[in-house]
């Protein structure tokens, strides 16, 4: 399992944990008749639902982006290699120049 998958899983677990605690809080205060508590519970429920929708949407968008990048790399293999070598050479040159300047 790579770090992105672990981070996504951890975020999902945290969101589920938060949802369980919020629902427990809502259940515990459900019998209270005060309008402010009722309004706060409704707002919290709405925000949790919206947060879940945003999380699912972000995961779907991330998957689409990684899939598109994968297709582009497979479609343009030689261009990808050339760009990677060019960027690596540029970074190596900049690091070497910076290191040479720091030796004085």
C-alpha atoms as a PDB file:
ATOM      1  CA  UNK A   1       0.000   0.000   0.000  1.00  0.00           C
ATOM      2  CA  UNK A   2       1.522   3.337  -0.999  1.00  0.00           C
ATOM      3  CA  UNK A   3       1.537   6.499   1.098  1.00  0.00           C
ATOM      4  CA  UNK A   4      -1.301   8.164  -0.869  1.00  0.00           C
ATOM      5  CA  UNK A   5      -3.558   5.184  -0.311  1.00  0.00           C
ATOM      6  CA  UNK A   6      -2.635   5.121   3.375  1.00  0.00           C
ATOM      7  CA  UNK A   7      -3.314   8.847   3.719  1.00  0.00           C
ATOM      8  CA  UNK A   8      -6.667   8.476   1.959  1.00  0.00           C
ATOM      9  CA  UNK A   9      -7.574   5.525   4.174  1.00  0.00           C
ATOM     10  CA  UNK A  10      -6.519   7.420   7.312  1.00  0.00           C
ATOM     11  CA  UNK A  11      -8.569  10.453   6.282  1.00  0.00           C
ATOM     12  CA  UNK A  12     -11.558   8.233   5.594  1.00  0.00           C
ATOM     13  CA  UNK A  13     -11.177   6.499   8.951  1.00  0.00           C
ATOM     14  CA  UNK A  14     -10.914   9.862  10.723  1.00  0.00           C
ATOM     15  CA  UNK A  15     -14.035  11.095   8.945  1.00  0.00           C
ATOM     16  CA  UNK A  16     -15.940   7.949   9.928  1.00  0.00           C
ATOM     17  CA  UNK A  17     -14.726   8.303  13.525  1.00  0.00           C
ATOM     18  CA  UNK A  18     -15.870  11.933  13.615  1.00  0.00           C
ATOM     19  CA  UNK A  19     -19.216  10.971  12.119  1.00  0.00           C
ATOM     20  CA  UNK A  20     -19.777   8.271  14.739  1.00  0.00           C
ATOM     21  CA  UNK A  21     -19.002  10.695  17.576  1.00  0.00           C
ATOM     22  CA  UNK A  22     -21.229  13.386  16.091  1.00  0.00           C
ATOM     23  CA  UNK A  23     -24.116  10.940  15.683  1.00  0.00           C
ATOM     24  CA  UNK A  24     -23.623   9.806  19.282  1.00  0.00           C
ATOM     25  CA  UNK A  25     -23.812  13.440  20.377  1.00  0.00           C
ATOM     26  CA  UNK A  26     -26.937  13.972  18.303  1.00  0.00           C
ATOM     27  CA  UNK A  27     -28.562  10.860  19.783  1.00  0.00           C
ATOM     28  CA  UNK A  28     -27.647  11.916  23.316  1.00  0.00           C
ATOM     29  CA  UNK A  29     -29.184  15.372  22.882  1.00  0.00           C
ATOM     30  CA  UNK A  30     -32.185  14.275  20.803  1.00  0.00           C
ATOM     31  CA  UNK A  31     -34.491  14.148  23.820  1.00  0.00           C
ATOM     32  CA  UNK A  32     -33.721  17.742  24.806  1.00  0.00           C
ATOM     33  CA  UNK A  33     -36.501  20.049  23.716  1.00  0.00           C
ATOM     34  CA  UNK A  34     -34.518  23.226  23.304  1.00  0.00           C
ATOM     35  CA  UNK A  35     -34.726  24.749  19.842  1.00  0.00           C
ATOM     36  CA  UNK A  36     -31.077  25.837  19.847  1.00  0.00           C
ATOM     37  CA  UNK A  37     -29.833  22.282  20.425  1.00  0.00           C
ATOM     38  CA  UNK A  38     -32.194  20.969  17.764  1.00  0.00           C
ATOM     39  CA  UNK A  39     -30.961  23.579  15.295  1.00  0.00           C
ATOM     40  CA  UNK A  40     -27.305  22.829  16.149  1.00  0.00           C
ATOM     41  CA  UNK A  41     -27.879  19.090  15.663  1.00  0.00           C
ATOM     42  CA  UNK A  42     -29.487  19.699  12.278  1.00  0.00           C
ATOM     43  CA  UNK A  43     -26.607  21.948  11.205  1.00  0.00           C
ATOM     44  CA  UNK A  44     -24.032  19.409  12.387  1.00  0.00           C
ATOM     45  CA  UNK A  45     -25.773  16.617  10.520  1.00  0.00           C
ATOM     46  CA  UNK A  46     -25.872  18.738   7.375  1.00  0.00           C
ATOM     47  CA  UNK A  47     -22.205  19.653   7.652  1.00  0.00           C
ATOM     48  CA  UNK A  48     -21.206  16.015   8.183  1.00  0.00           C
ATOM     49  CA  UNK A  49     -23.185  14.943   5.134  1.00  0.00           C
ATOM     50  CA  UNK A  50     -21.661  17.748   3.084  1.00  0.00           C
ATOM     51  CA  UNK A  51     -18.170  16.803   4.314  1.00  0.00           C
ATOM     52  CA  UNK A  52     -18.694  13.196   3.277  1.00  0.00           C
ATOM     53  CA  UNK A  53     -19.892  14.293  -0.163  1.00  0.00           C
ATOM     54  CA  UNK A  54     -16.838  16.533  -0.571  1.00  0.00           C
ATOM     55  CA  UNK A  55     -14.503  13.710   0.526  1.00  0.00           C
ATOM     56  CA  UNK A  56     -16.039  11.263  -1.951  1.00  0.00           C
ATOM     57  CA  UNK A  57     -15.902  13.878  -4.704  1.00  0.00           C
ATOM     58  CA  UNK A  58     -12.248  14.669  -3.954  1.00  0.00           C
ATOM     59  CA  UNK A  59     -11.358  10.972  -4.024  1.00  0.00           C
ATOM     60  CA  UNK A  60     -13.125  10.550  -7.357  1.00  0.00           C
ATOM     61  CA  UNK A  61     -11.378  13.600  -8.836  1.00  0.00           C
ATOM     62  CA  UNK A  62      -8.000  12.386  -7.590  1.00  0.00           C
ATOM     63  CA  UNK A  63      -8.617   8.972  -9.141  1.00  0.00           C
ATOM     64  CA  UNK A  64      -9.623  10.555 -12.459  1.00  0.00           C
ATOM     65  CA  UNK A  65      -6.489  12.733 -12.396  1.00  0.00           C
ATOM     66  CA  UNK A  66      -4.149   9.856 -11.682  1.00  0.00           C
ATOM     67  CA  UNK A  67      -5.819   7.743 -14.349  1.00  0.00           C
ATOM     68  CA  UNK A  68      -5.491  10.556 -16.907  1.00  0.00           C
ATOM     69  CA  UNK A  69      -1.809  10.995 -16.005  1.00  0.00           C
ATOM     70  CA  UNK A  70      -1.245   7.243 -16.326  1.00  0.00           C
ATOM     71  CA  UNK A  71      -2.893   7.169 -19.761  1.00  0.00           C
ATOM     72  CA  UNK A  72      -0.862  10.199 -20.898  1.00  0.00           C
ATOM     73  CA  UNK A  73       2.415   8.646 -19.735  1.00  0.00           C
ATOM     74  CA  UNK A  74       1.641   5.349 -21.456  1.00  0.00           C
ATOM     75  CA  UNK A  75       0.562   7.144 -24.631  1.00  0.00           C
ATOM     76  CA  UNK A  76       3.660   9.370 -24.780  1.00  0.00           C
ATOM     77  CA  UNK A  77       6.409   7.182 -23.327  1.00  0.00           C
ATOM     78  CA  UNK A  78       9.387   8.737 -25.107  1.00  0.00           C
ATOM     79  CA  UNK A  79       8.266  12.301 -24.452  1.00  0.00           C
ATOM     80  CA  UNK A  80       7.813  11.444 -20.767  1.00  0.00           C
ATOM     81  CA  UNK A  81      11.304   9.965 -20.595  1.00  0.00           C
ATOM     82  CA  UNK A  82      12.798  12.999 -22.357  1.00  0.00           C
ATOM     83  CA  UNK A  83      11.042  15.434 -20.023  1.00  0.00           C
ATOM     84  CA  UNK A  84      12.101  13.429 -16.966  1.00  0.00           C
ATOM     85  CA  UNK A  85      15.730  13.343 -18.092  1.00  0.00           C
ATOM     86  CA  UNK A  86      15.628  17.067 -18.869  1.00  0.00           C
ATOM     87  CA  UNK A  87      14.155  17.995 -15.509  1.00  0.00           C
ATOM     88  CA  UNK A  88      16.628  15.701 -13.715  1.00  0.00           C
ATOM     89  CA  UNK A  89      19.550  17.256 -15.591  1.00  0.00           C
ATOM     90  CA  UNK A  90      18.325  20.768 -14.779  1.00  0.00           C
ATOM     91  CA  UNK A  91      17.939  19.951 -11.078  1.00  0.00           C
ATOM     92  CA  UNK A  92      21.373  18.273 -11.060  1.00  0.00           C
ATOM     93  CA  UNK A  93      22.954  21.299 -12.731  1.00  0.00           C
ATOM     94  CA  UNK A  94      21.309  23.712 -10.284  1.00  0.00           C
ATOM     95  CA  UNK A  95      22.370  21.623  -7.287  1.00  0.00           C
ATOM     96  CA  UNK A  96      25.920  21.288  -8.573  1.00  0.00           C
ATOM     97  CA  UNK A  97      26.166  25.024  -9.274  1.00  0.00           C
ATOM     98  CA  UNK A  98      24.780  25.863  -5.866  1.00  0.00           C
ATOM     99  CA  UNK A  99      27.171  23.432  -4.171  1.00  0.00           C
ATOM    100  CA  UNK A 100      30.131  24.884  -6.109  1.00  0.00           C
ATOM    101  CA  UNK A 101      29.153  28.407  -5.022  1.00  0.00           C
ATOM    102  CA  UNK A 102      28.952  27.348  -1.359  1.00  0.00           C
ATOM    103  CA  UNK A 103      32.478  25.845  -1.391  1.00  0.00           C
ATOM    104  CA  UNK A 104      34.199  29.226  -1.645  1.00  0.00           C
END
